[in-house]
Protein backbone atom coordinates (compact mmCIF):
# COMPACT_ATOMS: atom_id res chain seq x y z
CA MET A 1 15.88 26.49 0.57
CA LEU A 2 13.92 29.06 -1.22
CA ALA A 3 12.14 27.93 -4.75
CA ILE A 4 11.77 30.40 -7.25
CA LEU A 5 8.82 29.33 -9.43
CA ASP A 6 9.73 28.75 -12.89
CA TYR A 7 6.80 29.37 -15.49
CA LYS A 8 8.43 31.08 -18.30
CA ALA A 9 7.32 34.76 -17.07
CA GLY A 10 10.88 36.29 -16.59
CA ASN A 11 12.47 37.95 -13.75
CA GLN A 12 13.79 34.82 -12.07
CA THR A 13 17.57 35.34 -12.69
CA SER A 14 17.32 38.64 -10.92
CA VAL A 15 15.28 37.27 -7.99
CA ARG A 16 18.06 34.62 -7.69
CA ARG A 17 20.69 36.77 -8.23
CA ALA A 18 19.85 38.76 -5.13
CA LEU A 19 18.96 35.99 -2.93
CA THR A 20 22.66 34.63 -3.84
CA HIS A 21 24.10 38.17 -2.60
CA LEU A 22 22.23 37.72 0.59
CA GLY A 23 23.40 34.06 0.87
CA ILE A 24 20.30 32.66 0.96
CA PRO A 25 20.13 29.29 -0.92
CA CYS A 26 17.33 28.92 -3.83
CA ARG A 27 16.47 27.34 -6.95
CA ILE A 28 14.88 28.30 -9.94
CA THR A 29 12.39 25.35 -10.53
CA ALA A 30 9.07 23.81 -11.94
CA ASP A 31 9.74 20.46 -10.31
CA PRO A 32 7.04 19.66 -7.81
CA ALA A 33 9.09 17.83 -5.63
CA VAL A 34 11.63 20.51 -5.20
CA ILE A 35 8.74 22.89 -4.43
CA ALA A 36 7.39 20.54 -1.85
CA ASP A 37 10.88 20.44 -0.13
CA ALA A 38 11.48 24.13 -0.27
CA THR A 39 11.08 26.19 3.12
CA GLY A 40 9.38 28.85 0.82
CA VAL A 41 8.38 29.80 -2.62
CA ILE A 42 8.97 33.07 -4.50
CA PHE A 43 6.31 33.83 -7.49
CA PRO A 44 8.01 36.38 -9.54
CA GLY A 45 6.90 37.64 -13.04
CA VAL A 46 7.42 40.24 -15.77
CA GLY A 47 4.99 40.00 -18.40
CA ALA A 48 1.33 39.68 -19.35
CA ALA A 49 -1.29 38.04 -16.91
CA GLY A 50 -2.72 35.87 -19.63
CA GLN A 51 0.49 34.48 -20.95
CA ALA A 52 1.49 33.70 -17.45
CA MET A 53 -2.20 31.78 -16.39
CA ALA A 54 -1.77 29.90 -19.52
CA GLU A 55 1.74 28.68 -18.72
CA LEU A 56 0.66 28.00 -15.17
CA THR A 57 -2.43 26.06 -16.22
CA THR A 58 -0.60 24.29 -19.04
CA THR A 59 2.09 23.00 -16.88
CA GLY A 60 -0.34 22.26 -13.53
CA LEU A 61 1.59 24.79 -11.60
CA ASP A 62 -1.59 26.62 -10.88
CA ALA A 63 -2.89 23.43 -8.90
CA LEU A 64 0.41 23.07 -7.13
CA LEU A 65 0.64 26.62 -5.96
CA LYS A 66 -3.14 26.24 -4.41
CA ALA A 67 -1.89 23.18 -2.71
CA GLN A 68 1.21 24.62 -1.37
CA VAL A 69 -0.60 27.57 0.08
CA ALA A 70 -3.29 25.51 1.32
CA ALA A 71 -0.79 23.56 3.45
CA GLY A 72 0.80 26.64 4.81
CA LYS A 73 3.85 26.80 2.62
CA PRO A 74 5.19 30.65 2.86
CA LEU A 75 4.84 32.28 -0.59
CA LEU A 76 5.86 35.56 -1.80
CA GLY A 77 4.41 37.01 -5.09
CA ILE A 78 6.02 39.52 -7.05
CA CYS A 79 4.85 42.01 -9.74
CA VAL A 80 2.90 39.73 -12.00
CA GLY A 81 3.03 37.00 -9.45
CA CYS A 82 1.54 39.45 -6.95
CA GLN A 83 -1.35 40.10 -9.29
CA ILE A 84 -2.32 36.91 -10.62
CA LEU A 85 -2.71 35.60 -7.15
CA LEU A 86 -6.24 37.37 -7.45
CA GLU A 87 -9.32 36.28 -8.68
CA TYR A 88 -9.45 37.96 -12.14
CA SER A 89 -7.09 40.53 -14.11
CA ALA A 90 -8.11 43.26 -16.78
CA GLU A 91 -5.02 42.54 -18.54
CA ASN A 92 -6.09 40.09 -21.33
CA ASP A 93 -9.58 39.48 -19.48
CA THR A 94 -7.93 36.80 -17.34
CA THR A 95 -9.24 34.44 -15.03
CA ALA A 96 -6.54 34.11 -12.44
CA LEU A 97 -5.76 31.97 -9.50
CA GLY A 98 -8.26 33.35 -6.91
CA ILE A 99 -5.77 32.37 -3.90
CA ILE A 100 -6.75 36.18 -2.38
CA PRO A 101 -10.28 37.38 -3.15
CA GLY A 102 -10.05 40.54 -5.71
CA GLN A 103 -9.07 41.64 -8.95
CA CYS A 104 -6.48 43.57 -11.01
CA ALA A 105 -7.34 46.88 -12.53
CA MET A 106 -5.48 49.06 -15.28
CA PHE A 107 -4.38 52.83 -14.41
CA SER A 108 -6.89 54.92 -16.21
CA GLN A 109 -5.49 57.65 -18.56
CA GLY A 110 -7.32 60.37 -16.71
CA LEU A 111 -5.53 60.17 -13.37
CA THR A 112 -3.14 63.07 -12.56
CA ASP A 113 -0.31 63.36 -10.20
CA GLU A 114 0.27 65.68 -7.25
CA ASP A 115 0.89 68.61 -9.48
CA GLY A 116 -2.24 67.94 -11.57
CA LEU A 117 -0.22 66.74 -14.86
CA PRO A 118 -1.25 63.42 -16.28
CA ILE A 119 0.41 60.14 -15.03
CA ARG A 120 2.55 58.38 -17.32
CA ILE A 121 1.76 54.59 -17.83
CA PRO A 122 3.11 52.32 -17.10
CA HIS A 123 3.94 53.55 -13.48
CA MET A 124 7.96 53.33 -13.86
CA GLY A 125 10.12 54.28 -10.91
CA TRP A 126 10.70 54.72 -7.36
CA ASN A 127 8.16 55.16 -4.76
CA SER A 128 7.04 54.19 -1.07
CA VAL A 129 4.86 51.99 0.51
CA ALA A 130 2.46 53.31 3.54
CA LEU A 131 1.42 50.23 5.73
CA ARG A 132 -2.12 49.78 6.94
CA GLN A 133 -1.22 46.64 8.79
CA ASP A 134 2.06 45.44 10.70
CA CYS A 135 4.06 43.12 8.42
CA GLU A 136 7.01 40.81 9.05
CA LEU A 137 8.29 41.71 5.44
CA PHE A 138 9.38 45.55 6.68
CA ASP A 139 10.93 44.55 9.78
CA GLY A 140 13.85 46.71 10.20
CA ILE A 141 12.84 48.80 6.90
CA ASP A 142 12.40 52.54 7.22
CA ALA A 143 9.07 53.76 6.56
CA ALA A 144 10.44 56.34 4.22
CA SER A 145 12.04 53.56 2.08
CA GLU A 146 11.33 53.53 -1.62
CA PHE A 147 11.14 50.68 -4.08
CA TYR A 148 11.13 50.23 -7.61
CA PHE A 149 7.97 49.71 -9.77
CA VAL A 150 7.43 49.08 -13.30
CA HIS A 151 3.49 48.36 -14.35
CA SER A 152 0.49 49.41 -15.74
CA TYR A 153 -1.70 47.19 -13.70
CA TYR A 154 -2.40 47.17 -9.69
CA PRO A 155 -3.99 45.05 -7.52
CA VAL A 156 -7.47 45.73 -6.05
CA PRO A 157 -7.83 42.80 -3.24
CA ALA A 158 -10.53 42.70 -0.59
CA ASP A 159 -9.96 45.35 1.99
CA GLN A 160 -8.70 42.90 4.60
CA TYR A 161 -5.82 41.85 2.62
CA VAL A 162 -4.72 45.20 1.85
CA ILE A 163 -1.41 45.70 3.89
CA GLY A 164 0.34 48.63 2.09
CA VAL A 165 -0.25 51.39 -0.07
CA THR A 166 1.47 53.44 -2.54
CA THR A 167 0.02 56.71 -4.32
CA TYR A 168 0.38 57.23 -8.16
CA GLY A 169 -2.38 59.09 -9.69
CA LEU A 170 -4.48 57.46 -7.05
CA PRO A 171 -3.93 55.42 -3.68
CA PHE A 172 -3.31 51.66 -4.88
CA CYS A 173 -2.53 48.24 -3.19
CA SER A 174 1.08 47.62 -3.38
CA LEU A 175 1.05 44.93 -0.70
CA HIS A 176 -1.31 42.59 0.13
CA GLY A 177 -1.85 39.24 1.56
CA ARG A 178 -1.75 37.65 5.28
CA GLN A 179 0.77 36.53 7.16
CA GLY A 180 2.98 33.66 5.36
CA LEU A 181 1.08 34.50 1.99
CA TRP A 182 2.50 38.04 0.73
CA ALA A 183 2.33 39.76 -2.58
CA VAL A 184 3.99 43.07 -3.95
CA GLN A 185 3.55 45.05 -6.85
CA PHE A 186 7.03 46.34 -6.57
CA HIS A 187 10.24 44.53 -7.13
CA PRO A 188 12.25 44.03 -4.14
CA GLU A 189 15.11 42.29 -6.18
CA LYS A 190 15.65 45.77 -8.05
CA SER A 191 14.97 47.73 -4.99
CA GLY A 192 18.40 48.12 -3.47
CA ARG A 193 18.95 47.86 0.13
CA PRO A 194 15.38 47.95 1.11
CA GLY A 195 14.35 45.54 -1.17
CA LEU A 196 17.33 42.96 0.00
CA ALA A 197 16.09 43.75 3.63
CA LEU A 198 12.70 42.55 2.62
CA LEU A 199 13.93 39.35 0.72
CA ALA A 200 15.68 38.64 4.00
CA ASN A 201 12.83 38.92 6.06
CA PHE A 202 10.99 36.77 4.10
CA ALA A 203 13.85 33.98 4.07
CA ALA A 204 14.18 34.09 7.90
CA TYR A 205 10.29 33.73 7.93
CA CYS A 206 10.25 30.97 6.06
CA LYS A 207 13.16 29.01 7.99
CA GLU A 208 10.96 29.76 11.26
CA ALA A 209 7.64 28.92 9.97
């Protein structure tokens, strides 16, 4: 069973719906015992970094997440859940979890697209991910596949944690982490077949880990 972390940041229901469609047992929860018994944790989120971190620290879920990762529990961060795995976010001037070295930056208004036109912020729509490292999450997924993004901030982890890169005004990290600890800036649960395949790959990894 996968635990979908409930920290009042939104998006949990969409993730549960996608996993249920795949036949993967899951539960939205903030219960430490349920999370400890789960084969893996999905850390989703829609909203602001400051609000999300406030909820995590108030409930003690910040310490729980760190302990689970330290114990080797597989974890997948999505969107805000991807960003606040880092040490700091420019959004709300937020001290984040610090599980992965790095910070989260905001897209600059001065950035332009491939035609020289100003980019729109937030980045909203479909885009591809170019892998810099092999990643189990992308097993069986075509390199040309596109995923759905909605964000104004993007992760800037330490170089060794950059797994995949997407270009929107500039090349930015859209997939970071290490084996068993992954974070994606896009929304796999809203990305059609490639996104469902990624979630299935994560579930399969958790089952075998």
